[in-house]
C-alpha atoms as a PDB file:
ATOM      1  CA  MET A   1      -7.590  22.112  29.413  1.00  0.00           C
ATOM      2  CA  ILE A   2      -8.530  18.491  30.087  1.00  0.00           C
ATOM      3  CA  ASN A   3     -11.159  18.559  27.331  1.00  0.00           C
ATOM      4  CA  SER A   4      -8.667  20.169  24.969  1.00  0.00           C
ATOM      5  CA  GLY A   5      -6.188  17.366  25.595  1.00  0.00           C
ATOM      6  CA  THR A   6      -8.713  14.587  25.014  1.00  0.00           C
ATOM      7  CA  ASP A   7      -9.971  16.324  21.862  1.00  0.00           C
ATOM      8  CA  ALA A   8      -6.428  16.472  20.544  1.00  0.00           C
ATOM      9  CA  ALA A   9      -5.847  12.720  20.853  1.00  0.00           C
ATOM     10  CA  PRO A  10      -8.150  11.516  18.010  1.00  0.00           C
ATOM     11  CA  ARG A  11      -7.219  14.499  15.861  1.00  0.00           C
ATOM     12  CA  THR A  12      -3.527  13.758  16.349  1.00  0.00           C
ATOM     13  CA  LYS A  13      -4.022  10.108  15.412  1.00  0.00           C
ATOM     14  CA  ALA A  14      -6.005  11.142  12.341  1.00  0.00           C
ATOM     15  CA  ARG A  15      -3.361  13.624  11.197  1.00  0.00           C
ATOM     16  CA  LEU A  16      -0.569  11.122  11.743  1.00  0.00           C
ATOM     17  CA  ALA A  17      -2.564   8.507   9.816  1.00  0.00           C
ATOM     18  CA  GLY A  18      -2.986  10.933   6.913  1.00  0.00           C
ATOM     19  CA  LEU A  19       0.699  11.883   6.994  1.00  0.00           C
ATOM     20  CA  PHE A  20       1.977   8.297   7.021  1.00  0.00           C
ATOM     21  CA  GLU A  21      -0.516   7.267   4.331  1.00  0.00           C
ATOM     22  CA  LEU A  22       0.870   9.980   2.047  1.00  0.00           C
ATOM     23  CA  PHE A  23       4.439   8.946   2.871  1.00  0.00           C
ATOM     24  CA  GLU A  24       3.639   5.286   2.128  1.00  0.00           C
ATOM     25  CA  GLY A  25       1.998   6.149  -1.179  1.00  0.00           C
ATOM     26  CA  LEU A  26       4.946   8.243  -2.317  1.00  0.00           C
ATOM     27  CA  THR A  27       7.681   5.782  -1.311  1.00  0.00           C
ATOM     28  CA  SER A  28       5.927   2.620  -2.507  1.00  0.00           C
ATOM     29  CA  ALA A  29       4.901   4.146  -5.827  1.00  0.00           C
ATOM     30  CA  ALA A  30       8.400   5.526  -6.403  1.00  0.00           C
ATOM     31  CA  GLY A  31      10.013   2.146  -5.701  1.00  0.00           C
ATOM     32  CA  GLN A  32       7.622  -0.410  -7.131  1.00  0.00           C
ATOM     33  CA  VAL A  33       6.067   1.577  -9.992  1.00  0.00           C
ATOM     34  CA  PHE A  34       8.279   4.372 -11.288  1.00  0.00           C
ATOM     35  CA  ILE A  35      11.811   3.071 -10.708  1.00  0.00           C
ATOM     36  CA  LEU A  36      11.083  -0.569 -11.494  1.00  0.00           C
ATOM     37  CA  GLY A  37       8.975   0.485 -14.471  1.00  0.00           C
ATOM     38  CA  LYS A  38      11.999   2.229 -15.984  1.00  0.00           C
ATOM     39  CA  LEU A  39      14.165  -0.875 -15.640  1.00  0.00           C
ATOM     40  CA  VAL A  40      11.903  -3.710 -16.737  1.00  0.00           C
ATOM     41  CA  VAL A  41      11.484  -4.397 -20.434  1.00  0.00           C
ATOM     42  CA  ILE A  42       8.405  -6.575 -20.779  1.00  0.00           C
ATOM     43  CA  GLY A  43       9.171  -9.794 -22.635  1.00  0.00           C
ATOM     44  CA  SER A  44      12.939  -9.295 -22.763  1.00  0.00           C
ATOM     45  CA  ALA A  45      15.038 -10.923 -20.058  1.00  0.00           C
ATOM     46  CA  ALA A  46      18.301  -9.739 -21.664  1.00  0.00           C
ATOM     47  CA  ASP A  47      17.306  -6.061 -21.885  1.00  0.00           C
ATOM     48  CA  THR A  48      15.872  -6.103 -18.365  1.00  0.00           C
ATOM     49  CA  ALA A  49      19.089  -7.641 -17.015  1.00  0.00           C
ATOM     50  CA  ALA A  50      21.182  -5.041 -18.850  1.00  0.00           C
ATOM     51  CA  ASN A  51      19.102  -2.212 -17.379  1.00  0.00           C
ATOM     52  CA  ILE A  52      19.379  -3.631 -13.855  1.00  0.00           C
ATOM     53  CA  LEU A  53      23.148  -4.025 -14.056  1.00  0.00           C
ATOM     54  CA  ALA A  54      23.590  -0.584 -15.618  1.00  0.00           C
ATOM     55  CA  HIS A  55      21.522   1.109 -12.900  1.00  0.00           C
ATOM     56  CA  GLU A  56      22.507  -0.802  -9.760  1.00  0.00           C
ATOM     57  CA  PRO A  57      22.336   2.257  -7.417  1.00  0.00           C
ATOM     58  CA  LEU A  58      18.822   2.967  -8.730  1.00  0.00           C
ATOM     59  CA  VAL A  59      17.779  -0.598  -7.915  1.00  0.00           C
ATOM     60  CA  TRP A  60      19.026  -0.244  -4.344  1.00  0.00           C
ATOM     61  CA  LEU A  61      17.231   3.098  -4.029  1.00  0.00           C
ATOM     62  CA  GLY A  62      13.987   1.510  -5.218  1.00  0.00           C
ATOM     63  CA  PHE A  63      14.485  -1.356  -2.778  1.00  0.00           C
ATOM     64  CA  ALA A  64      15.075   1.056   0.119  1.00  0.00           C
ATOM     65  CA  LEU A  65      11.995   3.112  -0.766  1.00  0.00           C
ATOM     66  CA  SER A  66       9.889  -0.047  -0.926  1.00  0.00           C
ATOM     67  CA  VAL A  67      11.071  -1.190   2.513  1.00  0.00           C
ATOM     68  CA  VAL A  68      10.405   2.224   4.048  1.00  0.00           C
ATOM     69  CA  GLY A  69       6.978   2.139   2.405  1.00  0.00           C
ATOM     70  CA  VAL A  70       6.131  -1.073   4.262  1.00  0.00           C
ATOM     71  CA  VAL A  71       7.050   0.549   7.585  1.00  0.00           C
ATOM     72  CA  PHE A  72       4.931   3.611   6.808  1.00  0.00           C
ATOM     73  CA  HIS A  73       2.060   1.312   5.805  1.00  0.00           C
ATOM     74  CA  LEU A  74       2.157  -0.598   9.085  1.00  0.00           C
ATOM     75  CA  VAL A  75       2.063   2.656  11.039  1.00  0.00           C
ATOM     76  CA  TRP A  76      -0.946   4.159   9.302  1.00  0.00           C
ATOM     77  CA  VAL A  77      -2.887   0.893   9.240  1.00  0.00           C
ATOM     78  CA  LEU A  78      -2.506   0.610  13.025  1.00  0.00           C
ATOM     79  CA  LEU A  79      -3.552   4.258  13.421  1.00  0.00           C
ATOM     80  CA  PHE A  80      -6.626   3.615  11.253  1.00  0.00           C
ATOM     81  CA  TYR A  81      -7.535   0.687  13.471  1.00  0.00           C
ATOM     82  CA  GLU A  82      -7.303   2.883  16.562  1.00  0.00           C
ATOM     83  CA  LEU A  83      -9.455   5.535  14.904  1.00  0.00           C
ATOM     84  CA  PHE A  84     -12.238   3.295  13.625  1.00  0.00           C
ATOM     85  CA  LYS A  85     -12.560   0.519  16.176  1.00  0.00           C
ATOM     86  CA  PRO A  86     -15.254   2.573  18.026  1.00  0.00           C
ATOM     87  CA  VAL A  87     -17.405   2.305  14.873  1.00  0.00           C
ATOM     88  CA  ASN A  88     -17.355  -1.488  14.648  1.00  0.00           C
ATOM     89  CA  ARG A  89     -14.700  -3.434  16.508  1.00  0.00           C
ATOM     90  CA  SER A  90     -15.171  -6.670  14.517  1.00  0.00           C
ATOM     91  CA  VAL A  91     -14.916  -5.020  11.095  1.00  0.00           C
ATOM     92  CA  SER A  92     -11.954  -2.943  12.293  1.00  0.00           C
ATOM     93  CA  ARG A  93     -10.150  -6.067  13.438  1.00  0.00           C
ATOM     94  CA  LEU A  94     -10.874  -7.805  10.148  1.00  0.00           C
ATOM     95  CA  ALA A  95      -9.562  -4.794   8.204  1.00  0.00           C
ATOM     96  CA  LEU A  96      -6.423  -4.757  10.361  1.00  0.00           C
ATOM     97  CA  LEU A  97      -5.848  -8.484   9.836  1.00  0.00           C
ATOM     98  CA  VAL A  98      -6.307  -8.199   6.076  1.00  0.00           C
ATOM     99  CA  MET A  99      -3.833  -5.362   5.831  1.00  0.00           C
ATOM    100  CA  LEU A 100      -1.256  -7.015   8.089  1.00  0.00           C
ATOM    101  CA  VAL A 101      -1.292  -9.900   5.607  1.00  0.00           C
ATOM    102  CA  GLY A 102      -1.121  -7.309   2.834  1.00  0.00           C
ATOM    103  CA  CYS A 103       1.919  -5.675   4.425  1.00  0.00           C
ATOM    104  CA  SER A 104       3.563  -9.105   4.650  1.00  0.00           C
ATOM    105  CA  VAL A 105       3.033  -9.581   0.916  1.00  0.00           C
ATOM    106  CA  GLN A 106       4.304  -6.042   0.358  1.00  0.00           C
ATOM    107  CA  ALA A 107       7.452  -6.955   2.298  1.00  0.00           C
ATOM    108  CA  LEU A 108       7.838 -10.046   0.090  1.00  0.00           C
ATOM    109  CA  THR A 109       7.801  -7.800  -2.984  1.00  0.00           C
ATOM    110  CA  CYS A 110      10.783  -5.951  -1.485  1.00  0.00           C
ATOM    111  CA  LEU A 111      12.803  -9.178  -1.417  1.00  0.00           C
ATOM    112  CA  LEU A 112      11.734 -10.040  -4.951  1.00  0.00           C
ATOM    113  CA  TYR A 113      12.612  -6.479  -5.976  1.00  0.00           C
ATOM    114  CA  VAL A 114      16.304  -6.933  -5.196  1.00  0.00           C
ATOM    115  CA  ALA A 115      16.477 -10.651  -6.092  1.00  0.00           C
ATOM    116  CA  PRO A 116      17.177 -10.048  -9.837  1.00  0.00           C
ATOM    117  CA  LEU A 117      20.213  -7.888  -9.038  1.00  0.00           C
ATOM    118  CA  LEU A 118      21.535 -10.425  -6.534  1.00  0.00           C
ATOM    119  CA  THR A 119      21.034 -13.160  -9.117  1.00  0.00           C
ATOM    120  CA  LEU A 120      22.875 -11.302 -11.853  1.00  0.00           C
ATOM    121  CA  ASN A 121      25.739 -10.574  -9.420  1.00  0.00           C
ATOM    122  CA  GLY A 122      25.484 -14.084  -7.984  1.00  0.00           C
ATOM    123  CA  GLY A 123      29.171 -14.964  -8.034  1.00  0.00           C
ATOM    124  CA  ILE A 124      30.273 -18.471  -7.026  1.00  0.00           C
ATOM    125  CA  PRO A 125      26.863 -19.911  -5.965  1.00  0.00           C
ATOM    126  CA  LEU A 126      25.477 -19.301  -9.470  1.00  0.00           C
ATOM    127  CA  SER A 127      28.710 -19.671 -11.437  1.00  0.00           C
ATOM    128  CA  ALA A 128      27.491 -22.879 -13.093  1.00  0.00           C
ATOM    129  CA  LEU A 129      24.728 -20.990 -14.918  1.00  0.00           C
ATOM    130  CA  THR A 130      25.277 -19.324 -18.264  1.00  0.00           C
ATOM    131  CA  ALA A 131      24.645 -15.628 -18.796  1.00  0.00           C
ATOM    132  CA  GLU A 132      21.361 -16.413 -20.551  1.00  0.00           C
ATOM    133  CA  GLN A 133      20.244 -18.639 -17.699  1.00  0.00           C
ATOM    134  CA  LEU A 134      21.070 -15.946 -15.147  1.00  0.00           C
ATOM    135  CA  GLN A 135      19.093 -13.420 -17.159  1.00  0.00           C
ATOM    136  CA  ALA A 136      16.141 -15.793 -17.370  1.00  0.00           C
ATOM    137  CA  LEU A 137      16.250 -16.490 -13.624  1.00  0.00           C
ATOM    138  CA  ALA A 138      16.442 -12.770 -12.854  1.00  0.00           C
ATOM    139  CA  TYR A 139      13.446 -12.174 -15.103  1.00  0.00           C
ATOM    140  CA  VAL A 140      11.513 -14.885 -13.248  1.00  0.00           C
ATOM    141  CA  PHE A 141      12.038 -12.911 -10.043  1.00  0.00           C
ATOM    142  CA  VAL A 142      10.824  -9.766 -11.815  1.00  0.00           C
ATOM    143  CA  ARG A 143       7.624 -11.558 -12.839  1.00  0.00           C
ATOM    144  CA  LEU A 144       7.154 -13.027  -9.360  1.00  0.00           C
ATOM    145  CA  ASN A 145       7.466  -9.529  -7.938  1.00  0.00           C
ATOM    146  CA  ALA A 146       4.706  -8.372 -10.288  1.00  0.00           C
ATOM    147  CA  TYR A 147       2.410 -11.244  -9.257  1.00  0.00           C
ATOM    148  CA  ALA A 148       3.083 -10.604  -5.561  1.00  0.00           C
ATOM    149  CA  PHE A 149       2.395  -6.899  -6.018  1.00  0.00           C
ATOM    150  CA  ASN A 150      -0.915  -7.693  -7.734  1.00  0.00           C
ATOM    151  CA  LEU A 151      -1.841  -9.886  -4.757  1.00  0.00           C
ATOM    152  CA  TYR A 152      -0.982  -7.010  -2.439  1.00  0.00           C
ATOM    153  CA  LEU A 153      -3.267  -4.720  -4.471  1.00  0.00           C
ATOM    154  CA  VAL A 154      -6.138  -7.195  -4.073  1.00  0.00           C
ATOM    155  CA  LEU A 155      -5.652  -7.315  -0.294  1.00  0.00           C
ATOM    156  CA  PHE A 156      -5.378  -3.537  -0.204  1.00  0.00           C
ATOM    157  CA  GLY A 157      -8.652  -3.401  -2.124  1.00  0.00           C
ATOM    158  CA  VAL A 158     -10.352  -5.569   0.504  1.00  0.00           C
ATOM    159  CA  TRP A 159      -9.007  -3.252   3.200  1.00  0.00           C
ATOM    160  CA  CYS A 160     -10.360  -0.233   1.297  1.00  0.00           C
ATOM    161  CA  VAL A 161     -13.843  -1.759   1.116  1.00  0.00           C
ATOM    162  CA  LEU A 162     -13.859  -2.590   4.832  1.00  0.00           C
ATOM    163  CA  SER A 163     -12.430   0.791   5.839  1.00  0.00           C
ATOM    164  CA  GLY A 164     -14.811   2.587   3.485  1.00  0.00           C
ATOM    165  CA  TYR A 165     -17.691   0.866   5.231  1.00  0.00           C
ATOM    166  CA  LEU A 166     -16.342   2.021   8.613  1.00  0.00           C
ATOM    167  CA  ILE A 167     -16.010   5.603   7.386  1.00  0.00           C
ATOM    168  CA  PHE A 168     -19.536   5.509   5.970  1.00  0.00           C
ATOM    169  CA  ARG A 169     -20.874   4.287   9.328  1.00  0.00           C
ATOM    170  CA  CYS A 170     -18.915   6.752  11.448  1.00  0.00           C
ATOM    171  CA  ASN A 171     -20.157  10.211  12.383  1.00  0.00           C
ATOM    172  CA  PHE A 172     -16.805  11.987  12.664  1.00  0.00           C
ATOM    173  CA  LEU A 173     -15.766  12.065   8.981  1.00  0.00           C
ATOM    174  CA  PRO A 174     -17.661  12.995   5.783  1.00  0.00           C
ATOM    175  CA  ARG A 175     -19.403   9.865   4.490  1.00  0.00           C
ATOM    176  CA  ILE A 176     -18.408  10.606   0.895  1.00  0.00           C
ATOM    177  CA  PHE A 177     -14.891   9.400   1.725  1.00  0.00           C
ATOM    178  CA  GLY A 178     -16.327   6.022   2.674  1.00  0.00           C
ATOM    179  CA  VAL A 179     -18.151   5.712  -0.650  1.00  0.00           C
ATOM    180  CA  LEU A 180     -15.070   6.734  -2.630  1.00  0.00           C
ATOM    181  CA  LEU A 181     -12.850   4.340  -0.715  1.00  0.00           C
ATOM    182  CA  MET A 182     -15.202   1.399  -1.287  1.00  0.00           C
ATOM    183  CA  ILE A 183     -15.309   2.145  -5.029  1.00  0.00           C
ATOM    184  CA  ASP A 184     -11.514   2.408  -5.017  1.00  0.00           C
ATOM    185  CA  GLY A 185     -11.234  -0.929  -3.203  1.00  0.00           C
ATOM    186  CA  LEU A 186     -13.485  -2.713  -5.699  1.00  0.00           C
ATOM    187  CA  GLY A 187     -11.222  -1.415  -8.445  1.00  0.00           C
ATOM    188  CA  TRP A 188      -8.047  -2.785  -6.838  1.00  0.00           C
ATOM    189  CA  MET A 189      -9.754  -6.123  -6.230  1.00  0.00           C
ATOM    190  CA  THR A 190     -10.038  -6.605 -10.002  1.00  0.00           C
ATOM    191  CA  TYR A 191      -6.291  -7.325  -9.957  1.00  0.00           C
ATOM    192  CA  LEU A 192      -7.261 -10.791  -8.774  1.00  0.00           C
ATOM    193  CA  TYR A 193      -7.451 -11.211 -12.549  1.00  0.00           C
ATOM    194  CA  PRO A 194      -4.612  -8.887 -13.626  1.00  0.00           C
ATOM    195  CA  ALA A 195      -5.750  -8.532 -17.239  1.00  0.00           C
ATOM    196  CA  LEU A 196      -9.043  -7.077 -16.016  1.00  0.00           C
ATOM    197  CA  GLY A 197      -7.261  -4.744 -13.639  1.00  0.00           C
ATOM    198  CA  PHE A 198      -4.946  -3.459 -16.363  1.00  0.00           C
ATOM    199  CA  SER A 199      -7.889  -2.918 -18.732  1.00  0.00           C
ATOM    200  CA  LEU A 200      -9.657  -0.817 -16.077  1.00  0.00           C
ATOM    201  CA  PHE A 201      -6.496   0.961 -14.924  1.00  0.00           C
ATOM    202  CA  HIS A 202      -7.593   4.474 -15.954  1.00  0.00           C
ATOM    203  CA  PHE A 203     -10.876   4.186 -14.058  1.00  0.00           C
ATOM    204  CA  ILE A 204      -9.079   2.711 -11.046  1.00  0.00           C
ATOM    205  CA  ALA A 205      -6.531   5.549 -11.153  1.00  0.00           C
ATOM    206  CA  ILE A 206      -9.332   8.134 -11.039  1.00  0.00           C
ATOM    207  CA  ALA A 207     -11.039   6.388  -8.108  1.00  0.00           C
ATOM    208  CA  SER A 208      -7.691   6.014  -6.382  1.00  0.00           C
ATOM    209  CA  GLY A 209      -6.897   9.694  -6.796  1.00  0.00           C
ATOM    210  CA  LEU A 210     -10.272  10.758  -5.431  1.00  0.00           C
ATOM    211  CA  ALA A 211     -10.145   8.432  -2.421  1.00  0.00           C
ATOM    212  CA  GLU A 212      -6.495   7.833  -1.562  1.00  0.00           C
ATOM    213  CA  LEU A 213      -5.395  11.440  -2.048  1.00  0.00           C
ATOM    214  CA  ALA A 214      -8.407  13.351  -0.751  1.00  0.00           C
ATOM    215  CA  LEU A 215      -8.827  11.270   2.420  1.00  0.00           C
ATOM    216  CA  PRO A 216      -5.253  11.589   3.789  1.00  0.00           C
ATOM    217  CA  LEU A 217      -5.196  15.288   2.903  1.00  0.00           C
ATOM    218  CA  TRP A 218      -8.455  15.785   4.798  1.00  0.00           C
ATOM    219  CA  LEU A 219      -7.091  13.856   7.770  1.00  0.00           C
ATOM    220  CA  LEU A 220      -3.846  15.813   7.670  1.00  0.00           C
ATOM    221  CA  VAL A 221      -5.543  19.219   7.534  1.00  0.00           C
ATOM    222  CA  PHE A 222      -8.783  18.726   9.472  1.00  0.00           C
ATOM    223  CA  GLY A 223      -8.324  15.487  11.417  1.00  0.00           C
ATOM    224  CA  VAL A 224     -11.648  14.186  12.734  1.00  0.00           C
ATOM    225  CA  ASN A 225     -14.503  15.667  14.721  1.00  0.00           C
ATOM    226  CA  ALA A 226     -13.115  14.813  18.136  1.00  0.00           C
ATOM    227  CA  GLN A 227     -16.354  15.356  20.050  1.00  0.00           C
ATOM    228  CA  ARG A 228     -18.285  12.999  17.791  1.00  0.00           C
ATOM    229  CA  TRP A 229     -15.441  10.474  17.897  1.00  0.00           C
ATOM    230  CA  LYS A 230     -15.590  10.436  21.697  1.00  0.00           C
ATOM    231  CA  GLN A 231     -19.366  10.073  21.631  1.00  0.00           C
ATOM    232  CA  GLN A 232     -19.149   7.108  19.272  1.00  0.00           C
ATOM    233  CA  ALA A 233     -16.347   5.576  21.343  1.00  0.00           C
ATOM    234  CA  ALA A 234     -18.431   5.968  24.509  1.00  0.00           C
ATOM    235  CA  ALA A 235     -21.447   4.415  22.807  1.00  0.00           C
ATOM    236  CA  GLY A 236     -19.301   1.493  21.666  1.00  0.00           C
ATOM    237  CA  ARG A 237     -18.016   0.886  25.191  1.00  0.00           C
ATOM    238  CA  ALA A 238     -21.566   1.068  26.538  1.00  0.00           C
END
């Protein structure tokens, strides 16, 4: 019974990590990609402002999903750190630090997400601005949100490369997930130059689907090999 309990601990962490990673992907994508993508008209501040004002409840829903996504992200990043620090403590710490910064940028995108609506409904503080100026200012926040989100993707890409390396070096998960995650991370890092990232989007989407969907599903269903995890943890402590 004692061995069963200790075996369950890493498996439980792995399954929770997979679950929260799926939750984060669904909520963040719904808020930042699908909902916002339906509202923003590229190159037109007036049409974007009209869409935002006409769909105010949808904006707040997207904002709420984005905030919840940040919370989910923090949870699964911390669980990943706990799982992989026996492999290489220094690399695990670096990956954790990178993604904590990434989550901070992700939280900033939440504020920029709702800023256009607050600007357009600004009331007295912004009453001196004309309607066109308010629309332009709201569109600036939309663009800033896009730039911040691209920065988040770059940091997420760095985390993927580091975590992929840890998975490749571990003996309690299939190494193919490490290779796929590193390829996925290199793809997201191209958003350091957004035009390049957009041009490679289809390839990045394929790599992302293979790595970011298969890995959490594996963790959710199978967890990790608990005996090998304990052996690697013991070797690391030694």
